[in-house]
């Protein structure tokens, strides 16, 4: 049975909800933001049952969320004397967390886009269905793919720029 959730101050409850909304809007999951905010405002380490009770989430969601947050070094597992459960606390070095999330999400998406754009170009130049369209349509598609490649190239340059590398260091 899950223990009763300790009553959280209204300001903390609001921050937890806003953090969940923010992470959801960035596409990295509502629960991740809620767990991080809950741990960030917890004066002592918390276990999965605490998170379940306080946030109204399943044990599976709590466990998966904590594992993802650990990968980004946003939370760390800590030992609590006299208890065999896993306890966690938030890393308060926000710059490191943002850097790790950006590397994991933006970096992967840019690399994925590189592959996609190469595949599109190959499909267009190959014997696939794209070559059966009228010349006008083909020229239009080629132009659009080239615009996407140009934009992607600029995004890669920004991502690989010295200033971004310094910010994410």
C-alpha atoms as a PDB file:
ATOM      1  CA  UNK A   1       0.000   0.000   0.000  1.00  0.00           C
ATOM      2  CA  UNK A   2       1.302   3.449  -0.904  1.00  0.00           C
ATOM      3  CA  UNK A   3       1.821   5.762   2.068  1.00  0.00           C
ATOM      4  CA  UNK A   4      -0.163   8.988   2.290  1.00  0.00           C
ATOM      5  CA  UNK A   5       1.553  11.851   0.528  1.00  0.00           C
ATOM      6  CA  UNK A   6       2.918  14.536   2.794  1.00  0.00           C
ATOM      7  CA  UNK A   7       1.118  17.821   2.229  1.00  0.00           C
ATOM      8  CA  UNK A   8       3.197  19.985  -0.063  1.00  0.00           C
ATOM      9  CA  UNK A   9       3.169  23.773   0.229  1.00  0.00           C
ATOM     10  CA  UNK A  10       1.031  25.421  -2.448  1.00  0.00           C
ATOM     11  CA  UNK A  11       4.045  27.130  -4.038  1.00  0.00           C
ATOM     12  CA  UNK A  12       5.818  23.767  -4.411  1.00  0.00           C
ATOM     13  CA  UNK A  13       2.694  22.086  -5.792  1.00  0.00           C
ATOM     14  CA  UNK A  14       2.371  24.895  -8.359  1.00  0.00           C
ATOM     15  CA  UNK A  15       6.024  24.604  -9.335  1.00  0.00           C
ATOM     16  CA  UNK A  16       5.637  20.839  -9.790  1.00  0.00           C
ATOM     17  CA  UNK A  17       2.672  21.385 -12.118  1.00  0.00           C
ATOM     18  CA  UNK A  18       4.439  24.141 -14.061  1.00  0.00           C
ATOM     19  CA  UNK A  19       7.598  22.042 -14.396  1.00  0.00           C
ATOM     20  CA  UNK A  20       5.486  19.192 -15.749  1.00  0.00           C
ATOM     21  CA  UNK A  21       3.819  21.513 -18.254  1.00  0.00           C
ATOM     22  CA  UNK A  22       7.193  22.915 -19.334  1.00  0.00           C
ATOM     23  CA  UNK A  23       8.841  19.550 -19.907  1.00  0.00           C
ATOM     24  CA  UNK A  24       5.750  18.303 -21.717  1.00  0.00           C
ATOM     25  CA  UNK A  25       5.835  21.319 -24.037  1.00  0.00           C
ATOM     26  CA  UNK A  26       9.484  20.533 -24.840  1.00  0.00           C
ATOM     27  CA  UNK A  27       8.490  16.988 -25.719  1.00  0.00           C
ATOM     28  CA  UNK A  28      10.385  15.241 -22.939  1.00  0.00           C
ATOM     29  CA  UNK A  29       7.467  14.144 -20.810  1.00  0.00           C
ATOM     30  CA  UNK A  30       5.335  15.691 -18.109  1.00  0.00           C
ATOM     31  CA  UNK A  31       6.290  13.188 -15.407  1.00  0.00           C
ATOM     32  CA  UNK A  32      10.005  13.944 -15.804  1.00  0.00           C
ATOM     33  CA  UNK A  33       9.449  17.590 -14.926  1.00  0.00           C
ATOM     34  CA  UNK A  34       7.171  16.716 -12.038  1.00  0.00           C
ATOM     35  CA  UNK A  35       9.609  14.218 -10.530  1.00  0.00           C
ATOM     36  CA  UNK A  36      12.533  16.602 -10.873  1.00  0.00           C
ATOM     37  CA  UNK A  37      10.602  19.496  -9.315  1.00  0.00           C
ATOM     38  CA  UNK A  38       9.365  17.284  -6.481  1.00  0.00           C
ATOM     39  CA  UNK A  39      12.898  16.135  -5.676  1.00  0.00           C
ATOM     40  CA  UNK A  40      14.311  19.626  -6.132  1.00  0.00           C
ATOM     41  CA  UNK A  41      12.013  20.962  -3.421  1.00  0.00           C
ATOM     42  CA  UNK A  42      12.390  17.949  -1.117  1.00  0.00           C
ATOM     43  CA  UNK A  43      14.691  18.672   1.828  1.00  0.00           C
ATOM     44  CA  UNK A  44      15.537  14.969   2.160  1.00  0.00           C
ATOM     45  CA  UNK A  45      15.928  12.125  -0.351  1.00  0.00           C
ATOM     46  CA  UNK A  46      12.713  10.473  -1.574  1.00  0.00           C
ATOM     47  CA  UNK A  47      11.911   6.965  -2.782  1.00  0.00           C
ATOM     48  CA  UNK A  48       9.605   5.800  -5.566  1.00  0.00           C
ATOM     49  CA  UNK A  49       6.680   5.283  -3.167  1.00  0.00           C
ATOM     50  CA  UNK A  50       7.045   8.897  -1.984  1.00  0.00           C
ATOM     51  CA  UNK A  51       6.953  10.083  -5.602  1.00  0.00           C
ATOM     52  CA  UNK A  52       3.908   7.939  -6.372  1.00  0.00           C
ATOM     53  CA  UNK A  53       1.993   9.313  -3.421  1.00  0.00           C
ATOM     54  CA  UNK A  54       2.973  12.955  -3.853  1.00  0.00           C
ATOM     55  CA  UNK A  55       2.537  13.088  -7.635  1.00  0.00           C
ATOM     56  CA  UNK A  56      -0.259  10.600  -8.167  1.00  0.00           C
ATOM     57  CA  UNK A  57       1.751   8.549 -10.671  1.00  0.00           C
ATOM     58  CA  UNK A  58       2.290   4.821 -11.065  1.00  0.00           C
ATOM     59  CA  UNK A  59       5.357   3.045  -9.765  1.00  0.00           C
ATOM     60  CA  UNK A  60       6.317   2.281 -13.373  1.00  0.00           C
ATOM     61  CA  UNK A  61       6.136   5.967 -14.357  1.00  0.00           C
ATOM     62  CA  UNK A  62       8.158   6.938 -11.301  1.00  0.00           C
ATOM     63  CA  UNK A  63      10.769   4.292 -12.021  1.00  0.00           C
ATOM     64  CA  UNK A  64      11.110   5.105 -15.726  1.00  0.00           C
ATOM     65  CA  UNK A  65      11.185   8.829 -14.994  1.00  0.00           C
ATOM     66  CA  UNK A  66      13.909   8.472 -12.391  1.00  0.00           C
ATOM     67  CA  UNK A  67      15.993   6.322 -14.762  1.00  0.00           C
ATOM     68  CA  UNK A  68      15.783   8.956 -17.511  1.00  0.00           C
ATOM     69  CA  UNK A  69      16.598  11.746 -15.071  1.00  0.00           C
ATOM     70  CA  UNK A  70      19.597   9.749 -13.835  1.00  0.00           C
ATOM     71  CA  UNK A  71      20.874   9.485 -17.427  1.00  0.00           C
ATOM     72  CA  UNK A  72      20.787  13.267 -17.659  1.00  0.00           C
ATOM     73  CA  UNK A  73      22.409  13.557 -14.218  1.00  0.00           C
ATOM     74  CA  UNK A  74      19.359  15.501 -13.029  1.00  0.00           C
ATOM     75  CA  UNK A  75      18.867  13.168 -10.060  1.00  0.00           C
ATOM     76  CA  UNK A  76      21.163  10.803  -8.233  1.00  0.00           C
ATOM     77  CA  UNK A  77      20.545   7.763  -6.121  1.00  0.00           C
ATOM     78  CA  UNK A  78      21.579   8.130  -2.486  1.00  0.00           C
ATOM     79  CA  UNK A  79      21.865   5.722   0.406  1.00  0.00           C
ATOM     80  CA  UNK A  80      19.619   6.152   3.434  1.00  0.00           C
ATOM     81  CA  UNK A  81      20.838   4.431   6.581  1.00  0.00           C
ATOM     82  CA  UNK A  82      18.568   1.662   7.796  1.00  0.00           C
ATOM     83  CA  UNK A  83      16.457   1.415   4.611  1.00  0.00           C
ATOM     84  CA  UNK A  84      16.921  -0.901   1.629  1.00  0.00           C
ATOM     85  CA  UNK A  85      14.778   1.172  -0.749  1.00  0.00           C
ATOM     86  CA  UNK A  86      16.358   3.316  -3.438  1.00  0.00           C
ATOM     87  CA  UNK A  87      16.276   7.013  -2.577  1.00  0.00           C
ATOM     88  CA  UNK A  88      16.904   9.945  -4.876  1.00  0.00           C
ATOM     89  CA  UNK A  89      17.765  13.609  -4.679  1.00  0.00           C
ATOM     90  CA  UNK A  90      17.892  16.337  -7.306  1.00  0.00           C
ATOM     91  CA  UNK A  91      21.068  17.741  -8.760  1.00  0.00           C
ATOM     92  CA  UNK A  92      20.773  21.513  -8.363  1.00  0.00           C
ATOM     93  CA  UNK A  93      23.362  22.340 -11.049  1.00  0.00           C
ATOM     94  CA  UNK A  94      20.795  23.321 -13.670  1.00  0.00           C
ATOM     95  CA  UNK A  95      23.339  24.163 -16.364  1.00  0.00           C
ATOM     96  CA  UNK A  96      24.644  20.596 -16.389  1.00  0.00           C
ATOM     97  CA  UNK A  97      21.119  19.190 -16.580  1.00  0.00           C
ATOM     98  CA  UNK A  98      20.112  21.444 -19.485  1.00  0.00           C
ATOM     99  CA  UNK A  99      23.360  20.586 -21.291  1.00  0.00           C
ATOM    100  CA  UNK A 100      22.741  16.856 -20.911  1.00  0.00           C
ATOM    101  CA  UNK A 101      19.124  17.131 -22.067  1.00  0.00           C
ATOM    102  CA  UNK A 102      20.090  19.227 -25.088  1.00  0.00           C
ATOM    103  CA  UNK A 103      22.867  16.840 -26.066  1.00  0.00           C
ATOM    104  CA  UNK A 104      20.506  13.909 -25.775  1.00  0.00           C
ATOM    105  CA  UNK A 105      17.511  15.442 -27.535  1.00  0.00           C
ATOM    106  CA  UNK A 106      18.698  18.120 -29.975  1.00  0.00           C
ATOM    107  CA  UNK A 107      21.890  16.303 -30.907  1.00  0.00           C
ATOM    108  CA  UNK A 108      20.024  13.087 -31.711  1.00  0.00           C
ATOM    109  CA  UNK A 109      17.343  14.930 -33.672  1.00  0.00           C
ATOM    110  CA  UNK A 110      19.914  16.759 -35.805  1.00  0.00           C
ATOM    111  CA  UNK A 111      21.704  13.489 -36.534  1.00  0.00           C
ATOM    112  CA  UNK A 112      18.391  11.851 -37.415  1.00  0.00           C
ATOM    113  CA  UNK A 113      17.541  14.714 -39.743  1.00  0.00           C
ATOM    114  CA  UNK A 114      20.861  14.274 -41.531  1.00  0.00           C
ATOM    115  CA  UNK A 115      19.978  10.671 -42.319  1.00  0.00           C
ATOM    116  CA  UNK A 116      16.438  11.547 -43.385  1.00  0.00           C
ATOM    117  CA  UNK A 117      17.575  14.277 -45.768  1.00  0.00           C
ATOM    118  CA  UNK A 118      20.149  11.959 -47.336  1.00  0.00           C
ATOM    119  CA  UNK A 119      17.467   9.287 -47.782  1.00  0.00           C
ATOM    120  CA  UNK A 120      15.078  11.784 -49.372  1.00  0.00           C
ATOM    121  CA  UNK A 121      17.730  12.896 -51.829  1.00  0.00           C
ATOM    122  CA  UNK A 122      18.625   9.297 -52.654  1.00  0.00           C
ATOM    123  CA  UNK A 123      14.947   8.394 -53.121  1.00  0.00           C
ATOM    124  CA  UNK A 124      14.451  11.336 -55.432  1.00  0.00           C
ATOM    125  CA  UNK A 125      17.518  10.436 -57.493  1.00  0.00           C
ATOM    126  CA  UNK A 126      16.730   6.712 -57.488  1.00  0.00           C
ATOM    127  CA  UNK A 127      14.167   4.699 -59.330  1.00  0.00           C
ATOM    128  CA  UNK A 128      11.508   5.150 -56.653  1.00  0.00           C
ATOM    129  CA  UNK A 129       8.012   6.580 -57.064  1.00  0.00           C
ATOM    130  CA  UNK A 130       9.288  10.158 -56.757  1.00  0.00           C
ATOM    131  CA  UNK A 131      10.887   9.931 -60.214  1.00  0.00           C
ATOM    132  CA  UNK A 132       7.550   9.166 -61.875  1.00  0.00           C
ATOM    133  CA  UNK A 133       6.111  12.600 -61.073  1.00  0.00           C
ATOM    134  CA  UNK A 134       6.038  15.341 -63.704  1.00  0.00           C
ATOM    135  CA  UNK A 135       9.226  17.364 -64.128  1.00  0.00           C
ATOM    136  CA  UNK A 136       7.609  20.449 -62.589  1.00  0.00           C
ATOM    137  CA  UNK A 137       6.704  18.510 -59.430  1.00  0.00           C
ATOM    138  CA  UNK A 138      10.148  16.933 -59.290  1.00  0.00           C
ATOM    139  CA  UNK A 139      11.846  20.328 -59.539  1.00  0.00           C
ATOM    140  CA  UNK A 140       9.600  21.683 -56.783  1.00  0.00           C
ATOM    141  CA  UNK A 141      10.386  18.725 -54.524  1.00  0.00           C
ATOM    142  CA  UNK A 142      14.125  19.031 -55.219  1.00  0.00           C
ATOM    143  CA  UNK A 143      13.996  22.734 -54.329  1.00  0.00           C
ATOM    144  CA  UNK A 144      12.174  22.018 -51.070  1.00  0.00           C
ATOM    145  CA  UNK A 145      14.603  19.269 -50.116  1.00  0.00           C
ATOM    146  CA  UNK A 146      17.497  21.606 -50.855  1.00  0.00           C
ATOM    147  CA  UNK A 147      15.929  24.306 -48.632  1.00  0.00           C
ATOM    148  CA  UNK A 148      15.638  21.744 -45.846  1.00  0.00           C
ATOM    149  CA  UNK A 149      19.264  20.698 -46.366  1.00  0.00           C
ATOM    150  CA  UNK A 150      20.414  24.334 -46.282  1.00  0.00           C
ATOM    151  CA  UNK A 151      18.485  24.991 -43.076  1.00  0.00           C
ATOM    152  CA  UNK A 152      19.800  21.782 -41.539  1.00  0.00           C
ATOM    153  CA  UNK A 153      23.341  22.773 -42.450  1.00  0.00           C
ATOM    154  CA  UNK A 154      22.898  26.135 -40.714  1.00  0.00           C
ATOM    155  CA  UNK A 155      21.388  24.447 -37.646  1.00  0.00           C
ATOM    156  CA  UNK A 156      24.342  22.030 -37.523  1.00  0.00           C
ATOM    157  CA  UNK A 157      26.785  24.943 -37.709  1.00  0.00           C
ATOM    158  CA  UNK A 158      25.028  26.689 -34.825  1.00  0.00           C
ATOM    159  CA  UNK A 159      24.894  23.451 -32.813  1.00  0.00           C
ATOM    160  CA  UNK A 160      28.614  22.838 -33.434  1.00  0.00           C
ATOM    161  CA  UNK A 161      29.639  26.472 -32.907  1.00  0.00           C
ATOM    162  CA  UNK A 162      32.185  27.411 -30.304  1.00  0.00           C
ATOM    163  CA  UNK A 163      29.731  29.511 -28.326  1.00  0.00           C
ATOM    164  CA  UNK A 164      27.180  26.688 -28.056  1.00  0.00           C
ATOM    165  CA  UNK A 165      29.946  24.253 -27.070  1.00  0.00           C
ATOM    166  CA  UNK A 166      31.058  26.733 -24.385  1.00  0.00           C
ATOM    167  CA  UNK A 167      27.489  27.181 -23.110  1.00  0.00           C
ATOM    168  CA  UNK A 168      26.989  23.425 -22.917  1.00  0.00           C
ATOM    169  CA  UNK A 169      30.352  22.760 -21.285  1.00  0.00           C
END
